[in-house]
Amino acid sequence: MKLIVYYLPMPFVVYLLYLLSGSYLAGGLFFLGSFSFLIRITEIKSENLRKKIKFFASNFLFLYKTLCFIAILAIGLEIVGWGTIIRTPAFLFLSLVFYILLIWRGYQNYIKIEIKEYTVEISDYDTELNLVFLSDIHLSELRSINYAEEIVEKVNGLSPDCILIGGDTIESHMEYLEDKGFDQVLRKIRSKYGVYGVLGNHEYTGNLNKNMEYLDRCGIKILRDESIIIKKLEFIFRDDETNHSRKKLNEIYKTVYPKVVVDHRPKFEEALSEGAELQLSGHTHGGQFFPVNLGYMLKYKVIYGYKKVKNMIIIVSSGVGTGFFTYRTWSKAEIVRITIRGKAHE
């Protein structure tokens, strides 16, 4: 309750103080403590209460971050000598319009799932494999069964040879998903060679064993520091680095086939040094919104898309879903379709 009392009025108070005083320091307060409100929310046992708190906090923090952006804009106007503008009714009105447009666009990016396609060419590979990569589905109380049905319909429409899951499939707790029958829908996903996945950091926030067992019931075979061979490619499935004792890549390799690494977080230095041809990752949600995207940019060299680094390609998906926040202003929801073929096919 203390957190709610403290954080609910804070952005409004700070923004009002800024408008009245023009203090540069006041704008900086928007960055302080906004995520402290989220402490332990995922550990609340009541599904209905957890859903209501998530919905409230998500929308509140969206307003919080929007005001943060507006404060930065106001500071910029003050610096260039246009400080009187920020205290006019027109500026306040345009700020409100900006917020409404941003929340509308952010929600559209959240609910509309696009298909993103890439082609990866590998030397000395004499066949072709079509796969679908799904990352960060984030099944939780904030999603209905229609969300799972849409994923299944879109994936099956792509007729993939195999399906790879990049972690954070479950937000934290599987009980709500079990009650709503998400597993009955997700196990309708079809592919020639099966559905395989890795764990993300969010599976660890709930009961890991229950989450893994539920993913198995969904038809997803979770592999932890293991590899499998599919059509002359060795796929390496890494446990999330939440497990500090996870194996090194060279301890997982089994064959001389080209290596495809599936790792939830887009840290690719080890895969590059160990000669992998391709790494598939998620975790960042493509940046999702400001200023979280700035933190990801500082932490990871690639937060979204296709990039070739020396002899290796890394593909980072923005993910199908999101965790806590029901909006995206910096990315879009996506399912990734990848065609892997030999360079001889050119």
Protein backbone atom coordinates (compact mmCIF):
# COMPACT_ATOMS: atom_id res chain seq x y z
CA MET A 1 0.00 0.00 0.00
CA LYS A 2 2.87 2.38 0.78
CA LEU A 3 4.21 1.90 -2.76
CA ILE A 4 0.81 2.69 -4.28
CA VAL A 5 0.38 5.83 -2.17
CA TYR A 6 3.88 6.99 -3.10
CA TYR A 7 3.94 6.27 -6.81
CA LEU A 8 0.38 7.06 -7.86
CA PRO A 9 0.62 10.86 -7.49
CA MET A 10 4.36 11.19 -8.11
CA PRO A 11 4.48 11.76 -11.88
CA PHE A 12 1.64 14.25 -11.74
CA VAL A 13 3.22 16.15 -8.85
CA VAL A 14 6.67 16.19 -10.44
CA TYR A 15 5.27 17.26 -13.81
CA LEU A 16 3.26 20.06 -12.16
CA LEU A 17 6.32 21.22 -10.26
CA TYR A 18 8.28 21.26 -13.48
CA LEU A 19 5.66 23.34 -15.28
CA LEU A 20 5.58 25.81 -12.41
CA SER A 21 9.29 26.05 -11.74
CA GLY A 22 11.03 25.03 -14.96
CA SER A 23 13.50 23.03 -12.85
CA TYR A 24 15.69 20.74 -14.95
CA LEU A 25 16.21 18.49 -11.94
CA ALA A 26 12.48 17.83 -11.58
CA GLY A 27 12.31 16.19 -15.00
CA GLY A 28 15.03 13.76 -13.97
CA LEU A 29 12.88 12.47 -11.13
CA PHE A 30 10.74 10.65 -13.69
CA PHE A 31 13.50 8.09 -14.07
CA LEU A 32 13.73 7.28 -10.38
CA GLY A 33 11.97 4.32 -8.91
CA SER A 34 9.31 3.65 -11.51
CA PHE A 35 9.90 -0.08 -11.42
CA SER A 36 9.99 -0.42 -7.63
CA PHE A 37 6.20 -0.64 -7.84
CA LEU A 38 6.58 -4.01 -9.55
CA ILE A 39 8.42 -5.69 -6.67
CA ARG A 40 7.00 -9.14 -5.93
CA ILE A 41 3.86 -8.71 -8.05
CA THR A 42 4.58 -11.98 -9.85
CA GLU A 43 4.59 -13.76 -6.48
CA ILE A 44 1.01 -12.78 -5.58
CA LYS A 45 -0.94 -16.04 -5.44
CA SER A 46 -4.42 -14.70 -6.21
CA GLU A 47 -4.87 -14.75 -9.99
CA ASN A 48 -7.62 -12.11 -10.02
CA LEU A 49 -5.69 -9.76 -7.76
CA ARG A 50 -2.49 -10.28 -9.75
CA LYS A 51 -4.32 -9.52 -12.99
CA LYS A 52 -5.91 -6.34 -11.61
CA ILE A 53 -2.63 -5.06 -10.19
CA LYS A 54 -0.77 -5.82 -13.40
CA PHE A 55 -3.37 -4.03 -15.50
CA PHE A 56 -3.42 -0.99 -13.22
CA ALA A 57 0.35 -0.75 -12.86
CA SER A 58 0.97 -1.33 -16.56
CA ASN A 59 -1.29 1.52 -17.62
CA PHE A 60 -0.09 3.78 -14.83
CA LEU A 61 3.54 3.23 -15.76
CA PHE A 62 2.70 3.87 -19.40
CA LEU A 63 1.45 7.31 -18.36
CA TYR A 64 4.51 7.64 -16.15
CA LYS A 65 6.90 7.03 -19.05
CA THR A 66 4.93 9.27 -21.38
CA LEU A 67 5.17 12.11 -18.89
CA CYS A 68 8.87 11.33 -18.65
CA PHE A 69 9.21 11.86 -22.39
CA ILE A 70 7.15 15.06 -22.28
CA ALA A 71 9.32 16.38 -19.44
CA ILE A 72 12.43 15.80 -21.53
CA LEU A 73 10.80 17.65 -24.41
CA ALA A 74 9.91 20.49 -22.07
CA ILE A 75 13.49 20.66 -20.79
CA GLY A 76 14.72 20.85 -24.38
CA LEU A 77 12.35 23.70 -25.15
CA GLU A 78 13.54 25.53 -22.05
CA ILE A 79 17.16 25.11 -23.05
CA VAL A 80 16.62 26.61 -26.50
CA GLY A 81 14.78 29.56 -25.05
CA TRP A 82 11.20 28.50 -25.69
CA GLY A 83 10.35 27.91 -22.05
CA THR A 84 7.14 29.93 -22.14
CA ILE A 85 5.63 27.38 -24.54
CA ILE A 86 5.56 24.60 -21.97
CA ARG A 87 3.27 26.60 -19.68
CA THR A 88 0.63 27.28 -22.30
CA PRO A 89 -2.72 25.45 -22.58
CA ALA A 90 -1.75 24.44 -26.12
CA PHE A 91 1.30 22.53 -24.89
CA LEU A 92 -0.77 20.73 -22.27
CA PHE A 93 -3.42 19.89 -24.86
CA LEU A 94 -0.85 18.58 -27.35
CA SER A 95 0.71 16.53 -24.55
CA LEU A 96 -2.66 14.90 -23.91
CA VAL A 97 -3.15 14.22 -27.65
CA PHE A 98 0.35 12.75 -27.81
CA TYR A 99 -0.44 10.43 -24.88
CA ILE A 100 -3.71 9.23 -26.43
CA LEU A 101 -2.08 8.55 -29.82
CA LEU A 102 0.86 6.81 -28.18
CA ILE A 103 -1.31 4.51 -26.07
CA TRP A 104 -3.45 3.67 -29.12
CA ARG A 105 -0.42 2.87 -31.27
CA GLY A 106 1.30 1.03 -28.45
CA TYR A 107 -1.74 -1.18 -27.93
CA GLN A 108 -2.04 -1.90 -31.66
CA ASN A 109 1.60 -3.04 -31.71
CA TYR A 110 0.80 -5.23 -28.71
CA ILE A 111 -2.20 -7.07 -30.14
CA LYS A 112 -1.31 -7.37 -33.85
CA ILE A 113 1.10 -10.20 -34.58
CA GLU A 114 3.14 -9.83 -37.76
CA ILE A 115 5.18 -12.42 -39.68
CA LYS A 116 8.85 -11.50 -40.06
CA GLU A 117 10.87 -13.48 -42.61
CA TYR A 118 14.61 -14.03 -42.92
CA THR A 119 16.84 -16.15 -45.14
CA VAL A 120 20.09 -17.53 -43.73
CA GLU A 121 22.72 -18.99 -46.05
CA ILE A 122 25.24 -21.44 -44.66
CA SER A 123 28.34 -22.65 -46.46
CA ASP A 124 28.63 -26.40 -47.09
CA TYR A 125 24.95 -26.95 -46.40
CA ASP A 126 23.34 -28.88 -49.23
CA THR A 127 19.65 -28.82 -48.28
CA GLU A 128 16.99 -26.42 -46.99
CA LEU A 129 15.10 -26.07 -43.72
CA ASN A 130 12.10 -23.86 -43.02
CA LEU A 131 11.62 -23.10 -39.35
CA VAL A 132 9.48 -20.85 -37.19
CA PHE A 133 11.00 -19.09 -34.19
CA LEU A 134 8.69 -17.99 -31.37
CA SER A 135 10.08 -16.01 -28.49
CA ASP A 136 8.62 -14.28 -25.44
CA ILE A 137 5.03 -15.48 -25.74
CA HIS A 138 4.47 -14.53 -22.09
CA LEU A 139 1.30 -16.47 -21.33
CA SER A 140 -0.38 -14.93 -18.28
CA GLU A 141 -3.60 -13.58 -16.81
CA LEU A 142 -3.37 -10.64 -19.21
CA ARG A 143 -3.91 -12.93 -22.21
CA SER A 144 -7.06 -14.74 -23.31
CA ILE A 145 -7.30 -18.12 -24.99
CA ASN A 146 -7.82 -16.26 -28.29
CA TYR A 147 -4.19 -15.17 -28.12
CA ALA A 148 -3.01 -18.79 -28.11
CA GLU A 149 -5.43 -19.67 -30.89
CA GLU A 150 -4.08 -16.86 -33.06
CA ILE A 151 -0.52 -18.06 -32.56
CA VAL A 152 -1.44 -21.62 -33.52
CA GLU A 153 -3.33 -20.47 -36.62
CA LYS A 154 -0.51 -18.24 -37.84
CA VAL A 155 2.23 -20.81 -37.19
CA ASN A 156 0.36 -23.69 -38.83
CA GLY A 157 -0.33 -21.44 -41.81
CA LEU A 158 3.43 -21.22 -42.39
CA SER A 159 3.81 -25.06 -42.65
CA PRO A 160 7.21 -25.11 -40.91
CA ASP A 161 9.62 -28.04 -40.89
CA CYS A 162 10.28 -27.36 -37.22
CA ILE A 163 9.36 -24.85 -34.53
CA LEU A 164 11.81 -23.36 -32.04
CA ILE A 165 10.69 -21.63 -28.84
CA GLY A 166 13.02 -18.94 -27.48
CA GLY A 167 12.00 -18.81 -23.82
CA ASP A 168 9.65 -16.76 -21.62
CA THR A 169 6.70 -18.77 -22.87
CA ILE A 170 5.12 -18.58 -19.42
CA GLU A 171 5.12 -15.25 -17.61
CA SER A 172 5.50 -16.80 -14.17
CA HIS A 173 2.64 -19.06 -12.98
CA MET A 174 1.00 -21.88 -14.93
CA GLU A 175 -2.13 -22.33 -12.79
CA TYR A 176 -4.19 -19.75 -14.67
CA LEU A 177 -3.11 -21.28 -17.99
CA GLU A 178 -4.10 -24.72 -16.77
CA ASP A 179 -7.54 -23.54 -15.69
CA LYS A 180 -8.19 -21.89 -19.06
CA GLY A 181 -6.91 -24.83 -21.14
CA PHE A 182 -4.04 -23.09 -22.96
CA ASP A 183 -2.25 -26.43 -23.31
CA GLN A 184 -5.16 -27.89 -25.28
CA VAL A 185 -4.78 -25.11 -27.82
CA LEU A 186 -0.99 -24.90 -28.06
CA ARG A 187 -0.49 -28.60 -28.65
CA LYS A 188 -2.36 -28.18 -31.94
CA ILE A 189 0.77 -26.55 -33.40
CA ARG A 190 2.07 -28.78 -36.18
CA SER A 191 5.47 -29.23 -37.79
CA LYS A 192 7.36 -32.01 -39.51
CA TYR A 193 10.17 -32.41 -36.99
CA GLY A 194 8.57 -31.17 -33.77
CA VAL A 195 8.49 -28.25 -31.36
CA TYR A 196 11.58 -27.59 -29.22
CA GLY A 197 12.35 -24.79 -26.83
CA VAL A 198 14.54 -23.24 -24.17
CA LEU A 199 13.74 -21.64 -20.86
CA GLY A 200 13.77 -17.89 -20.33
CA ASN A 201 14.22 -15.94 -17.15
CA HIS A 202 10.45 -15.74 -16.55
CA GLU A 203 9.95 -19.50 -16.27
CA TYR A 204 12.29 -19.29 -13.27
CA THR A 205 10.14 -16.67 -11.48
CA GLY A 206 7.40 -19.21 -10.83
CA ASN A 207 7.64 -22.88 -9.94
CA LEU A 208 10.18 -24.07 -12.50
CA ASN A 209 9.24 -27.75 -12.38
CA LYS A 210 5.53 -27.00 -12.76
CA ASN A 211 6.21 -24.61 -15.61
CA MET A 212 8.37 -27.15 -17.44
CA GLU A 213 5.80 -29.88 -16.95
CA TYR A 214 3.08 -27.60 -18.31
CA LEU A 215 5.16 -26.67 -21.35
CA ASP A 216 5.55 -30.37 -22.05
CA ARG A 217 1.76 -30.72 -21.94
CA CYS A 218 1.60 -27.86 -24.45
CA GLY A 219 3.62 -30.02 -26.84
CA ILE A 220 6.87 -28.10 -26.34
CA LYS A 221 9.93 -30.22 -25.59
CA ILE A 222 12.17 -28.11 -23.38
CA LEU A 223 15.88 -28.82 -23.75
CA ARG A 224 18.42 -27.53 -21.24
CA ASP A 225 22.01 -27.50 -22.47
CA GLU A 226 21.26 -30.21 -25.00
CA SER A 227 21.52 -30.54 -28.75
CA ILE A 228 19.53 -32.32 -31.44
CA ILE A 229 20.11 -32.95 -35.13
CA ILE A 230 17.51 -31.77 -37.64
CA LYS A 231 18.18 -32.08 -41.35
CA LYS A 232 21.98 -31.93 -41.11
CA LEU A 233 22.01 -29.03 -38.64
CA GLU A 234 22.93 -29.32 -34.97
CA PHE A 235 20.62 -27.19 -32.83
CA ILE A 236 22.04 -26.20 -29.45
CA PHE A 237 19.43 -25.36 -26.81
CA ARG A 238 20.93 -23.40 -23.93
CA ASP A 239 19.49 -23.07 -20.47
CA ASP A 240 18.88 -19.47 -19.45
CA GLU A 241 21.77 -17.80 -17.66
CA THR A 242 19.57 -17.64 -14.55
CA ASN A 243 21.09 -21.09 -14.11
CA HIS A 244 24.62 -20.02 -13.21
CA SER A 245 25.92 -23.55 -13.68
CA ARG A 246 24.74 -23.97 -17.27
CA LYS A 247 27.17 -25.75 -19.57
CA LYS A 248 29.59 -24.10 -21.93
CA LEU A 249 28.74 -24.40 -25.61
CA ASN A 250 31.67 -26.64 -26.47
CA GLU A 251 30.47 -29.08 -23.81
CA ILE A 252 27.15 -29.47 -25.67
CA TYR A 253 28.43 -29.91 -29.22
CA LYS A 254 28.11 -33.49 -30.49
CA THR A 255 28.70 -33.45 -34.27
CA VAL A 256 30.52 -31.63 -37.06
CA TYR A 257 27.26 -30.35 -38.55
CA PRO A 258 26.72 -26.54 -38.75
CA LYS A 259 25.62 -25.18 -35.38
CA VAL A 260 22.45 -23.19 -34.64
CA VAL A 261 22.33 -21.85 -31.07
CA VAL A 262 19.01 -21.07 -29.38
CA ASP A 263 19.66 -18.88 -26.34
CA HIS A 264 17.01 -16.71 -24.68
CA ARG A 265 19.24 -13.68 -24.16
CA PRO A 266 21.09 -12.12 -27.11
CA LYS A 267 24.62 -12.56 -25.81
CA PHE A 268 26.44 -14.08 -28.75
CA GLU A 269 30.16 -13.76 -27.98
CA GLU A 270 30.55 -17.38 -26.89
CA ALA A 271 28.62 -18.70 -29.89
CA LEU A 272 30.80 -16.59 -32.17
CA SER A 273 34.03 -17.84 -30.61
CA GLU A 274 32.84 -21.46 -30.78
CA GLY A 275 32.10 -21.30 -34.51
CA ALA A 276 28.30 -21.28 -34.54
CA GLU A 277 26.68 -20.32 -37.83
CA LEU A 278 23.50 -18.83 -36.36
CA GLN A 279 22.10 -17.75 -33.01
CA LEU A 280 18.41 -17.16 -32.30
CA SER A 281 17.43 -15.07 -29.28
CA GLY A 282 14.69 -12.93 -27.79
CA HIS A 283 14.36 -11.38 -24.31
CA THR A 284 14.61 -7.70 -25.31
CA HIS A 285 11.15 -7.40 -26.92
CA GLY A 286 12.90 -5.28 -29.54
CA GLY A 287 13.28 -2.49 -26.99
CA GLN A 288 9.48 -2.32 -26.51
CA PHE A 289 9.31 1.25 -25.20
CA PHE A 290 11.36 4.25 -24.12
CA PRO A 291 13.48 4.40 -21.97
CA VAL A 292 13.77 0.62 -21.47
CA ASN A 293 15.15 0.36 -25.01
CA LEU A 294 18.11 2.50 -23.96
CA GLY A 295 18.98 0.07 -21.19
CA TYR A 296 18.90 -2.86 -23.61
CA MET A 297 21.06 -0.95 -26.09
CA LEU A 298 23.68 -0.46 -23.40
CA LYS A 299 23.57 -4.09 -22.29
CA TYR A 300 23.37 -5.94 -25.62
CA LYS A 301 25.08 -5.32 -28.95
CA VAL A 302 21.98 -6.43 -30.86
CA ILE A 303 18.48 -5.92 -29.43
CA TYR A 304 16.48 -6.63 -32.57
CA GLY A 305 16.68 -7.97 -36.09
CA TYR A 306 19.22 -9.67 -38.32
CA LYS A 307 22.92 -8.93 -38.01
CA LYS A 308 26.00 -10.64 -39.36
CA VAL A 309 28.98 -10.57 -37.00
CA LYS A 310 32.10 -11.94 -38.70
CA ASN A 311 31.10 -15.45 -39.82
CA MET A 312 28.01 -15.76 -37.65
CA ILE A 313 24.48 -14.44 -37.99
CA ILE A 314 22.38 -13.44 -34.99
CA ILE A 315 18.63 -12.98 -35.20
CA VAL A 316 16.91 -11.32 -32.23
CA SER A 317 13.12 -11.40 -32.24
CA SER A 318 10.94 -8.73 -30.65
CA GLY A 319 8.76 -11.60 -29.47
CA VAL A 320 5.16 -12.59 -29.86
CA GLY A 321 4.04 -11.11 -26.55
CA THR A 322 5.24 -8.93 -23.72
CA GLY A 323 5.60 -9.50 -20.02
CA PHE A 324 4.14 -6.91 -17.74
CA PHE A 325 3.29 -4.05 -20.07
CA THR A 326 0.35 -4.23 -22.46
CA TYR A 327 1.84 -1.95 -25.08
CA ARG A 328 4.78 -1.52 -27.43
CA THR A 329 5.95 1.85 -28.71
CA TRP A 330 9.39 0.77 -29.93
CA SER A 331 8.63 -2.61 -31.52
CA LYS A 332 5.91 -4.87 -32.88
CA ALA A 333 4.72 -8.35 -31.95
CA GLU A 334 6.08 -10.92 -34.38
CA ILE A 335 6.44 -14.52 -35.37
CA VAL A 336 9.74 -15.19 -37.16
CA ARG A 337 10.00 -17.46 -40.18
CA ILE A 338 13.53 -18.45 -41.18
CA THR A 339 14.67 -20.29 -44.28
CA ILE A 340 18.09 -21.89 -43.87
CA ARG A 341 19.76 -22.97 -47.08
CA GLY A 342 23.17 -23.56 -48.59
CA LYS A 343 24.95 -20.88 -50.55
CA ALA A 344 25.00 -23.29 -53.47
CA HIS A 345 21.28 -22.52 -53.92
CA GLU A 346 22.03 -18.98 -55.12
